[in-house]
Amino acid sequence: MPAVYYVDDSRDDLFYAQYVCRRARDDIDLSCFATSDAAFDALHASVAEGLALPALLIVDLYMPLDSGIGLITRLRADRRFSSMRIAVCSGSDATADRERALACGADLYVEKPVDLTVLMHIGSSSAEDSGLY
């Protein structure tokens, strides 16, 4: 069962993602975090314990304490996390937000609400081929 970390300051968005996972009975091990620091600490703990990294990290673009961009920048600077798949999610459809997220190292940019099933099944297809970019 692939693990997914979802970081979002909106408890409603986190609740929705958990609800959809349970309802769809997807084989996704979803861990939700309300702050970038909490997710960063969990990733470091996983590495320290020799556990596998999540198959995907989804992070909200705009959060009050630390933006998704900040978390991605920290992770991409650390070789232990440099190859992890990262998706940025946002309610924004602005081209500038999409470009900024991809420029800092995100693999995907998706608009909310997040569809975990679609994100997990992208696999080897490129983001542009799947309609996500």
C-alpha atoms as a PDB file:
ATOM      1  CA  MET A   1       0.000   0.000   0.000  1.00  0.00           C
ATOM      2  CA  PRO A   2       1.648   3.258  -1.101  1.00  0.00           C
ATOM      3  CA  ALA A   3       2.072   5.957   1.499  1.00  0.00           C
ATOM      4  CA  VAL A   4       1.018   9.529   0.783  1.00  0.00           C
ATOM      5  CA  TYR A   5       1.739  12.565   2.936  1.00  0.00           C
ATOM      6  CA  TYR A   6      -0.684  15.460   2.545  1.00  0.00           C
ATOM      7  CA  VAL A   7       0.228  18.846   4.033  1.00  0.00           C
ATOM      8  CA  ASP A   8      -2.476  21.498   4.217  1.00  0.00           C
ATOM      9  CA  ASP A   9      -3.422  24.117   6.778  1.00  0.00           C
ATOM     10  CA  SER A  10      -7.101  23.570   5.937  1.00  0.00           C
ATOM     11  CA  ARG A  11      -8.525  20.918   8.231  1.00  0.00           C
ATOM     12  CA  ASP A  12     -11.518  20.715   5.865  1.00  0.00           C
ATOM     13  CA  ASP A  13      -9.274  19.775   2.932  1.00  0.00           C
ATOM     14  CA  LEU A  14      -7.446  17.177   5.029  1.00  0.00           C
ATOM     15  CA  PHE A  15     -10.751  15.747   6.254  1.00  0.00           C
ATOM     16  CA  TYR A  16     -12.071  15.584   2.691  1.00  0.00           C
ATOM     17  CA  ALA A  17      -8.982  13.700   1.465  1.00  0.00           C
ATOM     18  CA  GLN A  18      -9.293  11.191   4.312  1.00  0.00           C
ATOM     19  CA  TYR A  19     -13.014  10.777   3.692  1.00  0.00           C
ATOM     20  CA  VAL A  20     -12.538  10.160  -0.028  1.00  0.00           C
ATOM     21  CA  CYS A  21      -9.796   7.603   0.667  1.00  0.00           C
ATOM     22  CA  ARG A  22     -11.999   5.678   3.072  1.00  0.00           C
ATOM     23  CA  ARG A  23     -15.065   5.892   0.854  1.00  0.00           C
ATOM     24  CA  ALA A  24     -13.231   4.829  -2.303  1.00  0.00           C
ATOM     25  CA  ARG A  25     -11.426   2.130  -0.335  1.00  0.00           C
ATOM     26  CA  ASP A  26      -8.253   3.033  -2.131  1.00  0.00           C
ATOM     27  CA  ASP A  27      -5.166   1.214  -1.034  1.00  0.00           C
ATOM     28  CA  ILE A  28      -3.467   4.415   0.025  1.00  0.00           C
ATOM     29  CA  ASP A  29      -1.858   4.923   3.410  1.00  0.00           C
ATOM     30  CA  LEU A  30      -2.666   8.614   3.886  1.00  0.00           C
ATOM     31  CA  SER A  31      -0.924  10.679   6.561  1.00  0.00           C
ATOM     32  CA  CYS A  32      -2.120  14.251   6.999  1.00  0.00           C
ATOM     33  CA  PHE A  33      -0.198  17.175   8.449  1.00  0.00           C
ATOM     34  CA  ALA A  34      -1.434  20.683   9.231  1.00  0.00           C
ATOM     35  CA  THR A  35       2.031  22.283   8.959  1.00  0.00           C
ATOM     36  CA  SER A  36       5.120  21.954   6.814  1.00  0.00           C
ATOM     37  CA  ASP A  37       7.245  21.503   9.923  1.00  0.00           C
ATOM     38  CA  ALA A  38       5.180  18.513  11.070  1.00  0.00           C
ATOM     39  CA  ALA A  39       5.587  16.828   7.673  1.00  0.00           C
ATOM     40  CA  PHE A  40       9.295  17.667   7.553  1.00  0.00           C
ATOM     41  CA  ASP A  41       9.784  16.147  11.018  1.00  0.00           C
ATOM     42  CA  ALA A  42       7.863  13.003  10.009  1.00  0.00           C
ATOM     43  CA  LEU A  43      10.018  12.595   6.908  1.00  0.00           C
ATOM     44  CA  HIS A  44      13.194  12.942   8.952  1.00  0.00           C
ATOM     45  CA  ALA A  45      11.884  10.419  11.483  1.00  0.00           C
ATOM     46  CA  SER A  46      11.124   7.950   8.674  1.00  0.00           C
ATOM     47  CA  VAL A  47      14.657   8.263   7.324  1.00  0.00           C
ATOM     48  CA  ALA A  48      16.161   7.918  10.818  1.00  0.00           C
ATOM     49  CA  GLU A  49      14.135   4.740  11.391  1.00  0.00           C
ATOM     50  CA  GLY A  50      15.105   3.306   8.006  1.00  0.00           C
ATOM     51  CA  LEU A  51      11.531   3.421   6.711  1.00  0.00           C
ATOM     52  CA  ALA A  52      10.600   4.051   3.103  1.00  0.00           C
ATOM     53  CA  LEU A  53       9.672   7.548   2.088  1.00  0.00           C
ATOM     54  CA  PRO A  54       6.106   8.171   0.961  1.00  0.00           C
ATOM     55  CA  ALA A  55       5.345   7.492  -2.687  1.00  0.00           C
ATOM     56  CA  LEU A  56       3.991  11.029  -2.927  1.00  0.00           C
ATOM     57  CA  LEU A  57       4.043  14.234  -0.904  1.00  0.00           C
ATOM     58  CA  ILE A  58       1.212  16.670  -1.572  1.00  0.00           C
ATOM     59  CA  VAL A  59       1.660  20.153  -0.165  1.00  0.00           C
ATOM     60  CA  ASP A  60      -0.612  23.181  -0.195  1.00  0.00           C
ATOM     61  CA  LEU A  61       0.892  26.180  -1.964  1.00  0.00           C
ATOM     62  CA  TYR A  62      -0.341  28.817   0.478  1.00  0.00           C
ATOM     63  CA  MET A  63      -0.058  28.217   4.213  1.00  0.00           C
ATOM     64  CA  PRO A  64       0.370  30.893   6.876  1.00  0.00           C
ATOM     65  CA  LEU A  65       3.537  29.721   8.622  1.00  0.00           C
ATOM     66  CA  ASP A  66       5.487  28.117   5.789  1.00  0.00           C
ATOM     67  CA  SER A  67       4.447  27.929   2.172  1.00  0.00           C
ATOM     68  CA  GLY A  68       4.528  24.737   0.180  1.00  0.00           C
ATOM     69  CA  ILE A  69       7.365  26.323  -1.773  1.00  0.00           C
ATOM     70  CA  GLY A  70       9.413  26.564   1.418  1.00  0.00           C
ATOM     71  CA  LEU A  71       8.943  22.884   2.196  1.00  0.00           C
ATOM     72  CA  ILE A  72       9.778  21.806  -1.338  1.00  0.00           C
ATOM     73  CA  THR A  73      12.900  23.962  -1.339  1.00  0.00           C
ATOM     74  CA  ARG A  74      14.085  22.378   1.932  1.00  0.00           C
ATOM     75  CA  LEU A  75      13.395  18.869   0.652  1.00  0.00           C
ATOM     76  CA  ARG A  76      14.996  19.322  -2.757  1.00  0.00           C
ATOM     77  CA  ALA A  77      18.151  20.693  -1.082  1.00  0.00           C
ATOM     78  CA  ASP A  78      18.518  17.468   0.921  1.00  0.00           C
ATOM     79  CA  ARG A  79      19.789  14.545  -1.169  1.00  0.00           C
ATOM     80  CA  ARG A  80      17.750  12.078   0.935  1.00  0.00           C
ATOM     81  CA  PHE A  81      14.531  13.647  -0.377  1.00  0.00           C
ATOM     82  CA  SER A  82      15.645  14.931  -3.773  1.00  0.00           C
ATOM     83  CA  SER A  83      13.947  12.161  -5.767  1.00  0.00           C
ATOM     84  CA  MET A  84      10.667  12.084  -3.827  1.00  0.00           C
ATOM     85  CA  ARG A  85       7.569  12.792  -5.940  1.00  0.00           C
ATOM     86  CA  ILE A  86       6.018  16.078  -4.842  1.00  0.00           C
ATOM     87  CA  ALA A  87       2.723  17.625  -5.907  1.00  0.00           C
ATOM     88  CA  VAL A  88       1.651  21.158  -5.074  1.00  0.00           C
ATOM     89  CA  CYS A  89      -2.054  21.741  -4.607  1.00  0.00           C
ATOM     90  CA  SER A  90      -3.893  25.024  -4.509  1.00  0.00           C
ATOM     91  CA  GLY A  91      -7.225  26.642  -5.073  1.00  0.00           C
ATOM     92  CA  SER A  92      -5.405  28.988  -7.443  1.00  0.00           C
ATOM     93  CA  ASP A  93      -5.473  28.461 -11.179  1.00  0.00           C
ATOM     94  CA  ALA A  94      -3.007  31.315 -11.778  1.00  0.00           C
ATOM     95  CA  THR A  95      -0.275  30.521 -14.265  1.00  0.00           C
ATOM     96  CA  ALA A  96       2.294  32.323 -12.099  1.00  0.00           C
ATOM     97  CA  ASP A  97       1.539  30.051  -9.119  1.00  0.00           C
ATOM     98  CA  ARG A  98       1.832  26.938 -11.281  1.00  0.00           C
ATOM     99  CA  GLU A  99       5.133  28.100 -12.790  1.00  0.00           C
ATOM    100  CA  ARG A 100       6.570  29.056  -9.397  1.00  0.00           C
ATOM    101  CA  ALA A 101       5.668  25.661  -7.900  1.00  0.00           C
ATOM    102  CA  LEU A 102       7.215  23.721 -10.766  1.00  0.00           C
ATOM    103  CA  ALA A 103      10.308  25.953 -10.835  1.00  0.00           C
ATOM    104  CA  CYS A 104      11.072  25.223  -7.173  1.00  0.00           C
ATOM    105  CA  GLY A 105      11.041  21.472  -7.769  1.00  0.00           C
ATOM    106  CA  ALA A 106       7.452  20.232  -7.637  1.00  0.00           C
ATOM    107  CA  ASP A 107       6.682  17.412 -10.037  1.00  0.00           C
ATOM    108  CA  LEU A 108       2.999  18.253 -10.358  1.00  0.00           C
ATOM    109  CA  TYR A 109       0.615  21.123  -9.765  1.00  0.00           C
ATOM    110  CA  VAL A 110      -3.029  20.274  -9.092  1.00  0.00           C
ATOM    111  CA  GLU A 111      -6.024  22.349  -8.203  1.00  0.00           C
ATOM    112  CA  LYS A 112      -8.155  21.552  -5.174  1.00  0.00           C
ATOM    113  CA  PRO A 113      -9.921  19.409  -4.321  1.00  0.00           C
ATOM    114  CA  VAL A 114      -7.126  16.851  -4.517  1.00  0.00           C
ATOM    115  CA  ASP A 115      -7.981  13.534  -6.190  1.00  0.00           C
ATOM    116  CA  LEU A 116      -5.543  11.072  -4.613  1.00  0.00           C
ATOM    117  CA  THR A 117      -6.557   8.225  -6.907  1.00  0.00           C
ATOM    118  CA  VAL A 118      -5.635  10.209 -10.009  1.00  0.00           C
ATOM    119  CA  LEU A 119      -2.342  11.367  -8.487  1.00  0.00           C
ATOM    120  CA  MET A 120      -1.321   7.854  -7.480  1.00  0.00           C
ATOM    121  CA  HIS A 121      -2.086   6.374 -10.896  1.00  0.00           C
ATOM    122  CA  ILE A 122      -0.060   8.846 -12.906  1.00  0.00           C
ATOM    123  CA  GLY A 123       2.896   6.511 -12.530  1.00  0.00           C
ATOM    124  CA  SER A 124       5.107   6.581 -15.566  1.00  0.00           C
ATOM    125  CA  SER A 125       3.020   8.968 -17.656  1.00  0.00           C
ATOM    126  CA  SER A 126       4.173  12.544 -17.701  1.00  0.00           C
ATOM    127  CA  ALA A 127       2.193  15.219 -15.922  1.00  0.00           C
ATOM    128  CA  GLU A 128       1.295  16.908 -19.201  1.00  0.00           C
ATOM    129  CA  ASP A 129       0.057  13.616 -20.709  1.00  0.00           C
ATOM    130  CA  SER A 130      -2.230  13.117 -17.709  1.00  0.00           C
ATOM    131  CA  GLY A 131      -3.666  16.626 -17.822  1.00  0.00           C
ATOM    132  CA  LEU A 132      -1.767  17.680 -14.692  1.00  0.00           C
ATOM    133  CA  TYR A 133       1.090  20.123 -14.944  1.00  0.00           C
END
